[in-house]
C-alpha cells in the first residue's frame, strides 16, 4: 500500500537470487529499502535482501522451537482455562489445538525450508496468493505479538510489584521497557539467540522439576502428606468443572494463545546461518514440544490443582493465579510462591524478548515489501531493524491500561484478540501450502525434489484450513447466551477486519494485484544458495545434510540432540 509496484521491487531492481553475498552492500545502497551499508567483515553474513544478520546457530533455533515461547501464558493463563473448563477440557483443548499446530508446522516446514527468505509465510502469501492477502496475514500476525507483548509486560510488572510494592506498576514498566529496548538494539541477533538458548533451557528444566513434583505429590510421597491425591480433582469439582462443552469451547481460545509462537522458527529462518539443517530439525521438534510441554502441563496442572480454586481467578499477584503455585501451597509449602514467582519471571524475560523479536521482524519485512511504512524497514550497519524494534516495544505500553480500573476491561478485550488472530494466521499458512503444492505439480515439478515434505499431504493442510476457520467461528459462541456486547465484539471483530484489509488493498491496487494462477506462480526466485546446492532444481534427490554431519561421532550426535 506504500509502494505501487506489486512485487515490492522497482522495475530496474535485480532479483535477490542474482545478487551475490559480496555484492550485498552495493545492492543495499542502491535498492536497500532504507537499509544502510552493511559491514560484513565485522558482523558475519548479512542477508542481502533485508540487511539483517544471519547470526542464529542451529542450537538457538532448536531451543526456540522447543521452549522459546513458553511464558506466563502457559504457566498463569492456564489457571483461567482450568477454571473455565476443568482438567478434561484442558487436555482436550491442548490436544486438539496441538494436532492443528502440528499440521500447520508440517505445511510451514515444507515451504520455509525451500524459501527461507525474509518475511516467511507473510512474504510467501504474496507469492502464492496475492499481495492483499499478504497484507491481511501480516497485520494479523503483528496483532498477535503486540497483544502477547502487552500481556507479558503486565505479568512481569505484577510479579516485581509483588516483591517491591513501593515501586508503581508504571515505574517497573518504564524500567523494563528501556532494558529490553537496549538489549534488542545493542545486543543484536546473536545476543538474542544466546539469551533464548539459556532461558529456554532453564524453562525446560523447571517444567521437568514440576512434573516430577506432581508425580510424587499425586502418589502421596511428600513428607508429612496425609495420603495420595490421585485423580481427586477429576472427581471433585469434576472433569469439566460443571461447564460441559461450553467450558471446552472457552478453553480453545486460551490454548490457541498458548500455542502462538510455534510458527516463529519460520520468521527466524532468514537470520539462521544454516536453515537447510536448522529449520527442518526445529520443525520436527515441535511434536515433542506439544507432547512434553503442552500435554504434560495440561495433565499435571489438572492433576495437582482443583479447578474451582478461588486463587485461580482472584489471586493477588500473577503467580498466585498459577496452578503451580496453588499445588505447591496445597502440598504444604507456602514459601513456594517465591520460587514460582522467580520461575515465571524467567519465562517472562524470555517471552518479552521473543515477542519483540518476532513482532519487529514481521513489521520489518512488511515495510521492506511495501506493506507498512518504509521507515520501519530501515536496518543499521549491524543488521538490527531499529525502528521496527522501537515500534513493537512501544506497543507494549498497552499493558499500562490494566492499571486503570476502567481501562483494564478494555485491556482484557485487547489481549483476547491474540487467540482469534492465531486461528486466522494458521489457517492462512495451510492455505498458502495448498497453493504452493498446486503450483508445484501444475508446473510439473517432482515432489521428491522438495527438501522437506509435509506428512499426510494433502489431508494435513486441508485439515488445518477447515479446523482453524471452524474454531475461529465457534470460539465466541459462549458470548451469545447471555449476550455481552463487549465480549461478542472482542470475539469476532478480527474476522471481518481480515476481510476488510483484504478488500481495501484490492481496491487500492486494483488491476495491479491479481490472484496468482498456479502456472504463473514464481517457484524459483528466493531460494538461498545453500539450498540450491543440494540439487533441488531439475530433480536431485532433495535435501541431504552436509557430509561432515555424518562424520560426527555417535556420542556427539546424542549430546547435540539432548
Protein backbone atom coordinates (compact mmCIF):
# COMPACT_ATOMS: atom_id res chain seq x y z
CA UNK A 1 0.00 0.00 0.00
CA UNK A 2 3.04 2.20 0.46
CA UNK A 3 4.55 1.26 -2.92
CA UNK A 4 2.71 0.92 -6.16
CA UNK A 5 4.88 -1.85 -7.59
CA UNK A 6 3.06 -5.05 -6.62
CA UNK A 7 6.25 -7.11 -6.45
CA UNK A 8 7.70 -4.85 -3.78
CA UNK A 9 10.70 -4.01 -6.01
CA UNK A 10 11.25 -1.40 -8.69
CA UNK A 11 11.35 -2.35 -12.36
CA UNK A 12 15.13 -1.92 -12.69
CA UNK A 13 15.92 -3.68 -9.42
CA UNK A 14 17.70 -7.05 -9.84
CA UNK A 15 16.33 -10.25 -8.37
CA UNK A 16 17.70 -11.28 -4.99
CA UNK A 17 18.99 -14.57 -6.39
CA UNK A 18 21.07 -12.63 -8.94
CA UNK A 19 22.93 -10.79 -6.17
CA UNK A 20 25.92 -12.44 -4.52
CA UNK A 21 26.84 -12.02 -0.88
CA UNK A 22 29.89 -9.96 -1.86
CA UNK A 23 27.70 -7.53 -3.80
CA UNK A 24 25.20 -7.17 -0.98
CA UNK A 25 26.43 -3.81 0.38
CA UNK A 26 26.21 -2.17 -3.05
CA UNK A 27 22.84 -3.76 -3.67
CA UNK A 28 21.53 -2.39 -0.40
CA UNK A 29 22.83 1.10 -1.02
CA UNK A 30 21.07 1.26 -4.39
CA UNK A 31 17.93 -0.80 -3.72
CA UNK A 32 18.01 -1.32 0.01
CA UNK A 33 14.56 -0.12 1.07
CA UNK A 34 16.17 2.27 3.52
CA UNK A 35 18.86 -0.22 4.58
CA UNK A 36 22.21 1.31 5.41
CA UNK A 37 25.51 -0.10 4.14
CA UNK A 38 26.47 -3.30 5.91
CA UNK A 39 29.79 -4.16 7.49
CA UNK A 40 30.18 -7.83 6.55
CA UNK A 41 33.69 -8.16 7.94
CA UNK A 42 32.64 -7.20 11.46
CA UNK A 43 29.25 -8.76 11.67
CA UNK A 44 29.31 -12.02 9.70
CA UNK A 45 26.95 -12.94 6.91
CA UNK A 46 24.24 -10.44 6.07
CA UNK A 47 21.04 -11.27 4.23
CA UNK A 48 21.37 -9.18 1.04
CA UNK A 49 17.64 -8.53 0.70
CA UNK A 50 16.66 -7.43 4.20
CA UNK A 51 20.03 -6.43 5.64
CA UNK A 52 19.60 -8.49 8.82
CA UNK A 53 22.47 -10.52 10.21
CA UNK A 54 22.46 -14.32 9.92
CA UNK A 55 23.58 -14.80 13.50
CA UNK A 56 21.38 -17.62 14.82
CA UNK A 57 23.00 -21.02 15.24
CA UNK A 58 21.29 -24.39 14.88
CA UNK A 59 21.07 -24.83 18.65
CA UNK A 60 19.46 -21.41 19.02
CA UNK A 61 16.66 -22.27 16.60
CA UNK A 62 16.21 -25.72 18.14
CA UNK A 63 15.68 -24.31 21.62
CA UNK A 64 13.42 -21.57 20.27
CA UNK A 65 11.26 -24.27 18.68
CA UNK A 66 11.24 -26.41 21.81
CA UNK A 67 10.76 -23.85 24.57
CA UNK A 68 11.38 -20.34 23.29
CA UNK A 69 7.85 -19.02 23.58
CA UNK A 70 6.84 -20.82 26.79
CA UNK A 71 5.76 -17.97 29.00
CA UNK A 72 3.37 -16.87 31.71
CA UNK A 73 0.52 -17.50 29.29
CA UNK A 74 1.03 -21.21 29.82
CA UNK A 75 2.04 -21.06 33.48
CA UNK A 76 -0.50 -18.44 34.61
CA UNK A 77 -3.13 -18.26 31.87
CA UNK A 78 -3.74 -21.99 32.06
CA UNK A 79 -5.23 -21.32 35.50
CA UNK A 80 -8.09 -19.41 33.91
CA UNK A 81 -8.53 -22.17 31.33
CA UNK A 82 -8.57 -24.81 34.08
CA UNK A 83 -11.21 -22.85 35.99
CA UNK A 84 -13.34 -22.34 32.86
CA UNK A 85 -13.40 -25.95 31.70
CA UNK A 86 -11.83 -28.29 34.24
CA UNK A 87 -8.90 -30.71 33.79
CA UNK A 88 -10.56 -32.73 31.00
CA UNK A 89 -11.27 -29.59 28.95
CA UNK A 90 -7.66 -28.52 29.41
CA UNK A 91 -6.36 -31.79 27.97
CA UNK A 92 -8.93 -31.76 25.14
CA UNK A 93 -8.12 -28.15 24.30
CA UNK A 94 -4.36 -28.63 24.30
CA UNK A 95 -4.74 -31.88 22.35
CA UNK A 96 -6.99 -30.52 19.60
CA UNK A 97 -5.04 -27.30 19.17
CA UNK A 98 -1.83 -29.36 19.29
CA UNK A 99 -2.97 -31.51 16.36
CA UNK A 100 -3.83 -28.37 14.40
CA UNK A 101 -0.46 -26.80 15.30
CA UNK A 102 1.33 -29.94 14.14
CA UNK A 103 -0.42 -29.88 10.75
CA UNK A 104 0.34 -26.17 10.34
CA UNK A 105 4.00 -26.73 11.18
CA UNK A 106 4.24 -29.51 8.60
CA UNK A 107 2.97 -27.06 5.98
CA UNK A 108 5.31 -24.36 7.22
CA UNK A 109 8.30 -26.70 7.20
CA UNK A 110 7.80 -27.59 3.55
CA UNK A 111 7.57 -24.04 2.23
CA UNK A 112 10.01 -22.37 4.64
CA UNK A 113 12.83 -24.86 4.07
CA UNK A 114 12.58 -24.22 0.35
CA UNK A 115 12.11 -20.44 0.68
CA UNK A 116 13.82 -19.28 3.92
CA UNK A 117 13.80 -15.64 2.89
CA UNK A 118 12.65 -12.63 4.87
CA UNK A 119 9.03 -12.43 5.91
CA UNK A 120 8.45 -16.20 5.97
CA UNK A 121 4.79 -17.03 5.35
CA UNK A 122 3.82 -13.34 5.13
CA UNK A 123 6.02 -12.91 2.05
CA UNK A 124 5.02 -16.31 0.67
CA UNK A 125 1.37 -15.26 0.92
CA UNK A 126 2.09 -12.66 -1.76
CA UNK A 127 3.95 -15.16 -3.92
CA UNK A 128 1.33 -17.94 -3.70
CA UNK A 129 -1.91 -15.91 -3.40
CA UNK A 130 -1.68 -12.14 -3.86
CA UNK A 131 -0.29 -9.05 -2.15
CA UNK A 132 -3.57 -8.07 -0.50
CA UNK A 133 -3.77 -11.46 1.20
CA UNK A 134 -0.18 -10.97 2.40
CA UNK A 135 -1.07 -7.61 3.97
CA UNK A 136 -4.02 -9.12 5.84
CA UNK A 137 -1.94 -12.04 7.12
CA UNK A 138 0.98 -9.81 8.10
CA UNK A 139 -1.01 -7.30 10.13
CA UNK A 140 -2.96 -10.05 11.86
CA UNK A 141 0.32 -11.72 12.79
CA UNK A 142 1.65 -8.44 14.16
CA UNK A 143 -1.53 -8.10 16.25
CA UNK A 144 -0.75 -11.45 17.88
CA UNK A 145 2.66 -10.33 19.08
CA UNK A 146 1.54 -6.82 20.02
CA UNK A 147 -1.12 -8.26 22.34
CA UNK A 148 1.11 -11.04 23.66
CA UNK A 149 3.85 -8.50 24.43
CA UNK A 150 1.41 -6.30 26.35
CA UNK A 151 0.25 -9.32 28.33
CA UNK A 152 3.80 -10.37 29.22
CA UNK A 153 4.74 -6.86 30.33
CA UNK A 154 1.67 -6.82 32.57
CA UNK A 155 2.62 -10.14 34.19
CA UNK A 156 6.26 -9.28 34.77
CA UNK A 157 5.38 -5.87 36.27
CA UNK A 158 2.85 -7.53 38.60
CA UNK A 159 5.46 -10.01 39.83
CA UNK A 160 8.04 -7.31 40.52
CA UNK A 161 5.37 -5.21 42.23
CA UNK A 162 4.61 -8.24 44.45
CA UNK A 163 8.22 -8.21 45.64
CA UNK A 164 8.67 -4.42 45.72
CA UNK A 165 5.21 -2.80 46.10
CA UNK A 166 6.64 0.68 46.68
CA UNK A 167 7.55 0.93 43.01
CA UNK A 168 4.37 1.55 40.96
CA UNK A 169 3.50 -0.68 38.02
CA UNK A 170 4.21 2.08 35.53
CA UNK A 171 7.65 2.54 37.09
CA UNK A 172 8.52 -1.13 36.58
CA UNK A 173 7.21 -0.91 33.03
CA UNK A 174 9.45 2.05 32.13
CA UNK A 175 12.50 0.30 33.62
CA UNK A 176 11.82 -2.95 31.77
CA UNK A 177 10.86 -1.18 28.54
CA UNK A 178 14.23 0.59 28.47
CA UNK A 179 16.20 -2.57 29.33
CA UNK A 180 14.56 -4.71 26.64
CA UNK A 181 14.88 -1.97 24.02
CA UNK A 182 18.59 -1.56 24.75
CA UNK A 183 19.18 -5.32 24.71
CA UNK A 184 17.45 -5.82 21.35
CA UNK A 185 19.23 -2.91 19.65
CA UNK A 186 22.69 -3.15 21.23
CA UNK A 187 22.90 -6.92 21.67
CA UNK A 188 21.68 -7.82 18.21
CA UNK A 189 20.58 -11.20 16.93
CA UNK A 190 23.49 -13.20 18.36
CA UNK A 191 22.88 -11.96 21.90
CA UNK A 192 19.17 -12.67 21.43
CA UNK A 193 19.92 -16.22 20.34
CA UNK A 194 22.24 -16.92 23.28
CA UNK A 195 19.79 -15.44 25.78
CA UNK A 196 16.91 -17.50 24.38
CA UNK A 197 19.04 -20.64 24.43
CA UNK A 198 19.87 -20.25 28.13
CA UNK A 199 16.39 -19.15 29.20
CA UNK A 200 14.71 -21.93 27.21
CA UNK A 201 16.97 -24.49 28.87
CA UNK A 202 16.01 -23.15 32.30
CA UNK A 203 12.32 -23.34 31.36
CA UNK A 204 12.61 -26.97 30.27
CA UNK A 205 14.43 -27.89 33.49
CA UNK A 206 11.85 -26.00 35.58
CA UNK A 207 8.90 -27.74 33.92
CA UNK A 208 10.61 -31.11 34.31
CA UNK A 209 11.11 -30.45 38.03
CA UNK A 210 7.42 -29.57 38.40
CA UNK A 211 6.35 -32.72 36.57
CA UNK A 212 8.46 -34.80 38.97
CA UNK A 213 6.95 -32.95 41.95
CA UNK A 214 3.45 -33.61 40.58
CA UNK A 215 4.07 -37.35 40.31
CA UNK A 216 5.42 -37.52 43.87
CA UNK A 217 2.59 -35.32 45.20
CA UNK A 218 -0.16 -37.30 43.46
CA UNK A 219 1.38 -40.53 44.76
CA UNK A 220 1.44 -39.28 48.36
CA UNK A 221 5.22 -39.32 48.62
CA UNK A 222 5.81 -35.87 50.13
CA UNK A 223 6.99 -35.61 53.74
CA UNK A 224 4.02 -35.03 56.06
CA UNK A 225 1.45 -35.74 53.33
CA UNK A 226 -1.73 -37.46 54.58
CA UNK A 227 -2.01 -39.73 51.56
CA UNK A 228 -2.07 -39.81 47.77
CA UNK A 229 -4.40 -37.40 45.98
CA UNK A 230 -4.51 -39.45 42.78
CA UNK A 231 -7.24 -38.11 40.48
CA UNK A 232 -9.16 -36.49 43.34
CA UNK A 233 -9.72 -33.24 41.48
CA UNK A 234 -11.14 -35.09 38.47
CA UNK A 235 -13.97 -36.30 40.72
CA UNK A 236 -14.43 -33.09 42.69
CA UNK A 237 -15.08 -30.48 41.35
CA UNK A 238 -15.23 -32.73 38.27
CA UNK A 239 -13.52 -33.34 34.95
CA UNK A 240 -15.32 -30.39 33.31
CA UNK A 241 -15.86 -28.29 36.46
CA UNK A 242 -19.60 -28.30 35.75
CA UNK A 243 -19.31 -26.40 32.46
CA UNK A 244 -19.56 -29.20 29.87
CA UNK A 245 -18.92 -28.36 26.22
CA UNK A 246 -19.26 -24.66 26.95
CA UNK A 247 -16.10 -24.93 29.03
CA UNK A 248 -14.30 -26.85 26.27
CA UNK A 249 -15.14 -24.13 23.72
CA UNK A 250 -13.83 -21.45 26.08
CA UNK A 251 -10.57 -23.34 26.60
CA UNK A 252 -9.91 -23.43 22.83
CA UNK A 253 -9.22 -19.68 22.78
CA UNK A 254 -6.91 -19.94 25.80
CA UNK A 255 -4.98 -22.81 24.23
CA UNK A 256 -4.57 -21.13 20.85
CA UNK A 257 -2.92 -18.18 22.62
CA UNK A 258 -0.58 -20.54 24.50
CA UNK A 259 0.42 -22.25 21.22
CA UNK A 260 1.07 -18.95 19.43
CA UNK A 261 4.74 -18.93 18.54
CA UNK A 262 5.26 -22.46 17.28
CA UNK A 263 5.49 -20.90 13.81
CA UNK A 264 8.15 -18.39 14.91
CA UNK A 265 11.00 -20.60 13.66
CA UNK A 266 9.95 -19.61 10.13
CA UNK A 267 10.36 -15.92 10.95
CA UNK A 268 13.84 -16.63 12.31
CA UNK A 269 14.92 -18.66 9.25
CA UNK A 270 16.36 -15.60 7.47
CA UNK A 271 18.68 -14.91 10.40
CA UNK A 272 19.82 -18.53 10.70
CA UNK A 273 23.26 -19.48 9.41
CA UNK A 274 22.20 -22.85 8.03
CA UNK A 275 18.43 -23.00 7.54
CA UNK A 276 18.71 -26.18 5.47
CA UNK A 277 19.59 -28.11 8.64
CA UNK A 278 18.19 -25.89 11.40
CA UNK A 279 14.65 -25.34 10.10
CA UNK A 280 13.70 -28.99 9.40
CA UNK A 281 15.18 -30.02 12.74
CA UNK A 282 13.23 -27.30 14.56
CA UNK A 283 10.01 -28.25 12.75
CA UNK A 284 10.38 -31.88 13.83
CA UNK A 285 10.93 -30.83 17.44
CA UNK A 286 7.51 -29.18 17.54
CA UNK A 287 5.92 -32.62 18.02
CA UNK A 288 7.97 -33.22 21.17
CA UNK A 289 7.17 -29.71 22.37
CA UNK A 290 3.45 -30.42 22.00
CA UNK A 291 3.67 -33.74 23.86
CA UNK A 292 6.08 -32.75 26.63
CA UNK A 293 5.38 -29.07 27.24
CA UNK A 294 1.70 -28.60 26.48
CA UNK A 295 0.13 -32.01 27.05
CA UNK A 296 2.39 -32.58 30.06
CA UNK A 297 1.43 -29.23 31.57
CA UNK A 298 -2.29 -29.80 30.91
CA UNK A 299 -2.20 -33.22 32.59
CA UNK A 300 -0.19 -32.27 35.66
CA UNK A 301 -1.95 -28.93 36.22
CA UNK A 302 -5.30 -30.71 36.29
CA UNK A 303 -3.88 -33.46 38.48
CA UNK A 304 -2.47 -31.24 41.23
CA UNK A 305 -4.72 -28.14 41.24
CA UNK A 306 -8.51 -28.05 41.88
CA UNK A 307 -10.35 -26.30 39.05
CA UNK A 308 -12.64 -24.45 41.48
CA UNK A 309 -9.79 -22.91 43.48
CA UNK A 310 -10.55 -19.25 44.20
CA UNK A 311 -6.89 -18.31 43.73
CA UNK A 312 -7.09 -19.20 40.02
CA UNK A 313 -9.21 -16.11 39.42
CA UNK A 314 -8.80 -13.89 42.47
CA UNK A 315 -5.14 -14.42 43.33
CA UNK A 316 -3.30 -11.23 44.24
CA UNK A 317 -0.02 -11.44 42.36
CA UNK A 318 0.01 -13.15 38.99
CA UNK A 319 1.97 -16.08 40.42
CA UNK A 320 -0.87 -16.77 42.87
CA UNK A 321 -3.11 -17.47 39.87
CA UNK A 322 -0.79 -20.19 38.57
CA UNK A 323 -1.79 -23.84 39.08
CA UNK A 324 1.85 -24.49 40.00
CA UNK A 325 1.69 -22.10 42.96
CA UNK A 326 -1.64 -23.42 44.20
CA UNK A 327 -0.41 -27.02 44.00
CA UNK A 328 2.76 -26.24 45.95
CA UNK A 329 0.82 -24.32 48.61
CA UNK A 330 -1.73 -27.15 48.93
CA UNK A 331 1.18 -29.51 49.41
CA UNK A 332 2.20 -27.50 52.49
CA UNK A 333 4.98 -25.28 51.17
CA UNK A 334 3.65 -21.72 51.46
CA UNK A 335 7.05 -20.23 50.73
CA UNK A 336 6.95 -21.86 47.31
CA UNK A 337 5.17 -18.82 45.90
CA UNK A 338 8.53 -17.04 45.70
CA UNK A 339 10.08 -19.94 43.80
CA UNK A 340 7.24 -19.95 41.28
CA UNK A 341 7.44 -16.16 41.07
CA UNK A 342 11.11 -16.45 40.14
CA UNK A 343 10.38 -19.16 37.56
CA UNK A 344 7.56 -17.16 35.98
CA UNK A 345 9.82 -14.09 35.98
CA UNK A 346 12.37 -16.05 33.92
CA UNK A 347 9.68 -17.15 31.47
CA UNK A 348 8.55 -13.52 31.22
CA UNK A 349 12.04 -12.34 30.31
CA UNK A 350 12.17 -14.88 27.51
CA UNK A 351 8.60 -14.25 26.35
CA UNK A 352 9.03 -10.46 26.16
CA UNK A 353 12.34 -10.91 24.37
CA UNK A 354 10.77 -13.28 21.82
CA UNK A 355 7.67 -11.15 21.32
CA UNK A 356 9.72 -8.06 20.48
CA UNK A 357 11.90 -10.08 18.13
CA UNK A 358 9.06 -11.76 16.20
CA UNK A 359 6.89 -8.64 16.07
CA UNK A 360 9.74 -6.41 14.89
CA UNK A 361 10.83 -8.85 12.15
CA UNK A 362 7.28 -9.20 10.93
CA UNK A 363 6.83 -5.45 10.55
CA UNK A 364 10.37 -5.10 9.12
CA UNK A 365 9.75 -7.46 6.22
CA UNK A 366 6.34 -5.94 5.58
CA UNK A 367 7.86 -2.47 5.38
CA UNK A 368 10.59 -3.64 3.00
CA UNK A 369 7.98 -5.08 0.63
CA UNK A 370 5.70 -2.04 0.69
CA UNK A 371 3.08 -3.32 3.14
CA UNK A 372 3.96 -0.97 6.02
CA UNK A 373 5.59 2.49 6.35
CA UNK A 374 9.00 2.41 4.68
CA UNK A 375 10.87 3.82 7.69
CA UNK A 376 10.15 0.61 9.62
CA UNK A 377 12.26 -1.29 7.08
CA UNK A 378 15.46 0.56 7.99
CA UNK A 379 18.32 -1.65 9.25
CA UNK A 380 21.56 -0.33 10.76
CA UNK A 381 25.12 -1.41 9.93
CA UNK A 382 24.96 -4.27 12.44
CA UNK A 383 21.86 -5.78 10.85
CA UNK A 384 19.45 -4.53 13.54
CA UNK A 385 15.99 -3.20 12.48
CA UNK A 386 15.98 -0.30 14.92
CA UNK A 387 12.67 1.42 14.13
CA UNK A 388 10.76 -1.85 13.85
CA UNK A 389 12.02 -2.80 17.31
CA UNK A 390 11.11 0.61 18.75
CA UNK A 391 7.56 0.44 17.35
CA UNK A 392 6.96 -3.13 18.53
CA UNK A 393 8.26 -2.39 22.01
CA UNK A 394 6.20 0.81 22.18
CA UNK A 395 3.01 -1.19 21.56
CA UNK A 396 3.75 -2.96 24.84
CA UNK A 397 2.57 0.21 26.59
CA UNK A 398 -0.96 -1.16 26.13
CA UNK A 399 -0.22 -3.17 29.27
CA UNK A 400 -0.43 0.01 31.35
CA UNK A 401 -4.15 0.20 30.57
CA UNK A 402 -4.53 -2.51 33.19
CA UNK A 403 -3.53 -0.01 35.91
CA UNK A 404 -6.76 1.93 35.47
CA UNK A 405 -9.98 0.28 36.63
CA UNK A 406 -11.92 1.45 33.59
CA UNK A 407 -9.21 0.71 31.06
CA UNK A 408 -8.47 -2.74 32.49
CA UNK A 409 -11.65 -4.11 30.89
CA UNK A 410 -10.59 -2.75 27.51
CA UNK A 411 -7.14 -4.24 28.10
CA UNK A 412 -8.60 -7.71 28.69
CA UNK A 413 -10.53 -7.41 25.41
CA UNK A 414 -7.37 -6.46 23.52
CA UNK A 415 -5.40 -9.40 24.94
CA UNK A 416 -8.10 -11.87 23.87
CA UNK A 417 -7.54 -10.86 20.25
CA UNK A 418 -4.35 -12.95 20.13
CA UNK A 419 -6.26 -16.24 20.17
CA UNK A 420 -8.54 -15.32 17.25
CA UNK A 421 -5.61 -13.94 15.23
CA UNK A 422 -3.76 -17.22 15.74
CA UNK A 423 -6.58 -19.18 14.10
CA UNK A 424 -6.62 -16.77 11.14
CA UNK A 425 -2.85 -16.87 10.61
CA UNK A 426 -2.62 -20.65 10.98
CA UNK A 427 -5.45 -21.17 8.50
CA UNK A 428 -3.65 -18.84 6.09
CA UNK A 429 -0.41 -20.85 6.38
CA UNK A 430 -2.26 -24.06 5.49
CA UNK A 431 -3.90 -22.31 2.52
CA UNK A 432 -0.52 -20.99 1.32
CA UNK A 433 0.82 -24.55 1.44
CA UNK A 434 -2.10 -25.81 -0.65
CA UNK A 435 -1.46 -23.09 -3.24
CA UNK A 436 2.26 -23.93 -3.29
CA UNK A 437 1.72 -27.65 -3.88
CA UNK A 438 -0.81 -26.96 -6.61
CA UNK A 439 1.65 -24.66 -8.38
CA UNK A 440 4.46 -27.19 -7.89
CA UNK A 441 2.54 -30.01 -9.56
CA UNK A 442 0.96 -27.76 -12.22
CA UNK A 443 4.43 -26.69 -13.32
CA UNK A 444 5.42 -30.38 -13.48
CA UNK A 445 7.90 -30.36 -10.60
CA UNK A 446 8.67 -33.56 -8.72
CA UNK A 447 7.55 -33.78 -5.10
CA UNK A 448 10.66 -35.86 -4.39
CA UNK A 449 12.74 -32.76 -5.15
CA UNK A 450 11.38 -30.90 -2.13
CA UNK A 451 13.93 -30.53 0.70
CA UNK A 452 11.22 -31.14 3.32
CA UNK A 453 7.97 -32.97 2.58
CA UNK A 454 4.87 -32.42 4.70
CA UNK A 455 3.47 -35.50 6.40
CA UNK A 456 -0.05 -36.62 5.48
CA UNK A 457 -0.38 -34.32 2.47
CA UNK A 458 -2.97 -33.40 1.18
CA UNK A 459 -5.04 -34.17 4.29
CA UNK A 460 -2.88 -32.13 6.67
CA UNK A 461 -3.22 -28.63 5.09
CA UNK A 462 -6.92 -29.07 4.30
CA UNK A 463 -7.44 -30.18 7.89
CA UNK A 464 -5.60 -27.05 9.03
CA UNK A 465 -7.71 -24.71 6.90
CA UNK A 466 -11.02 -26.27 7.91
CA UNK A 467 -10.47 -26.51 11.66
CA UNK A 468 -8.86 -23.09 12.02
CA UNK A 469 -11.84 -21.49 10.28
CA UNK A 470 -14.22 -23.63 12.35
CA UNK A 471 -12.59 -22.68 15.67
CA UNK A 472 -12.42 -19.00 14.67
CA UNK A 473 -16.19 -19.11 14.15
CA UNK A 474 -17.22 -21.09 17.25
CA UNK A 475 -14.74 -19.69 19.80
CA UNK A 476 -17.09 -16.84 20.70
CA UNK A 477 -20.40 -18.66 20.84
CA UNK A 478 -20.37 -18.54 24.65
CA UNK A 479 -20.89 -14.75 24.40
CA UNK A 480 -24.31 -15.28 22.82
CA UNK A 481 -26.02 -16.61 25.96
CA UNK A 482 -26.10 -14.45 27.94
CA UNK A 483 -25.28 -11.89 25.28
CA UNK A 484 -22.49 -9.47 26.19
CA UNK A 485 -21.82 -6.83 23.56
CA UNK A 486 -18.22 -6.14 24.55
CA UNK A 487 -17.21 -9.80 24.67
CA UNK A 488 -19.05 -10.55 21.41
CA UNK A 489 -17.23 -7.77 19.56
CA UNK A 490 -13.94 -8.90 21.10
CA UNK A 491 -14.53 -12.49 19.95
CA UNK A 492 -15.44 -11.71 16.35
CA UNK A 493 -14.06 -8.29 15.37
CA UNK A 494 -10.94 -9.70 13.72
CA UNK A 495 -12.93 -11.92 11.37
CA UNK A 496 -14.40 -9.03 9.35
CA UNK A 497 -11.22 -6.99 9.89
CA UNK A 498 -9.20 -9.59 7.99
CA UNK A 499 -11.66 -9.33 5.10
CA UNK A 500 -11.79 -5.54 5.26
CA UNK A 501 -8.00 -5.27 4.99
CA UNK A 502 -8.02 -7.63 2.02
CA UNK A 503 -10.81 -5.78 0.17
CA UNK A 504 -9.35 -2.33 0.83
CA UNK A 505 -5.95 -3.42 -0.50
CA UNK A 506 -7.60 -5.00 -3.54
CA UNK A 507 -9.34 -1.71 -4.29
CA UNK A 508 -6.14 0.27 -3.70
CA UNK A 509 -4.11 -1.93 -6.05
CA UNK A 510 -7.00 -2.57 -8.44
CA UNK A 511 -5.69 -4.14 -11.62
CA UNK A 512 -2.17 -4.46 -10.19
CA UNK A 513 -2.73 -7.28 -7.70
CA UNK A 514 -4.37 -10.24 -9.48
CA UNK A 515 -4.93 -13.57 -7.76
CA UNK A 516 -1.94 -15.74 -8.70
CA UNK A 517 -2.75 -18.62 -11.01
CA UNK A 518 -0.90 -21.88 -10.40
CA UNK A 519 1.10 -21.70 -13.64
CA UNK A 520 2.10 -18.06 -13.02
CA UNK A 521 3.50 -18.54 -9.50
CA UNK A 522 7.26 -17.99 -9.32
CA UNK A 523 8.80 -21.13 -7.79
CA UNK A 524 12.46 -20.36 -8.50
CA UNK A 525 13.48 -16.99 -7.07
CA UNK A 526 14.18 -16.50 -3.41
CA UNK A 527 15.86 -19.81 -2.62
CA UNK A 528 19.02 -19.49 -0.58
CA UNK A 529 22.24 -20.63 -2.24
CA UNK A 530 22.91 -23.26 0.43
CA UNK A 531 19.65 -24.94 -0.57
CA UNK A 532 20.23 -24.63 -4.31
CA UNK A 533 23.49 -26.57 -3.96
CA UNK A 534 21.53 -29.61 -2.81
CA UNK A 535 20.15 -30.13 -6.30
CA UNK A 536 16.54 -29.17 -5.76
CA UNK A 537 16.18 -27.61 -9.18
CA UNK A 538 15.92 -30.05 -12.01
CA UNK A 539 15.49 -33.05 -9.75
CA UNK A 540 18.19 -34.07 -7.39
CA UNK A 541 17.41 -36.28 -4.53
CA UNK A 542 16.16 -33.50 -2.39
CA UNK A 543 17.97 -32.06 0.56
CA UNK A 544 20.68 -34.04 2.32
CA UNK A 545 22.73 -32.88 5.27
CA UNK A 546 26.33 -31.90 4.85
CA UNK A 547 28.76 -34.79 4.52
CA UNK A 548 30.58 -33.57 7.60
CA UNK A 549 27.45 -34.24 9.67
CA UNK A 550 27.76 -37.96 9.00
CA UNK A 551 31.36 -37.95 10.24
CA UNK A 552 30.41 -36.68 13.70
CA UNK A 553 30.88 -39.36 16.42
CA UNK A 554 27.74 -41.03 17.76
CA UNK A 555 28.24 -39.65 21.29
CA UNK A 556 28.45 -36.11 19.85
CA UNK A 557 25.17 -36.59 17.92
CA UNK A 558 23.43 -37.84 21.09
CA UNK A 559 24.75 -34.89 23.11
CA UNK A 560 23.65 -32.46 20.39
CA UNK A 561 20.15 -33.95 20.36
CA UNK A 562 19.90 -33.64 24.14
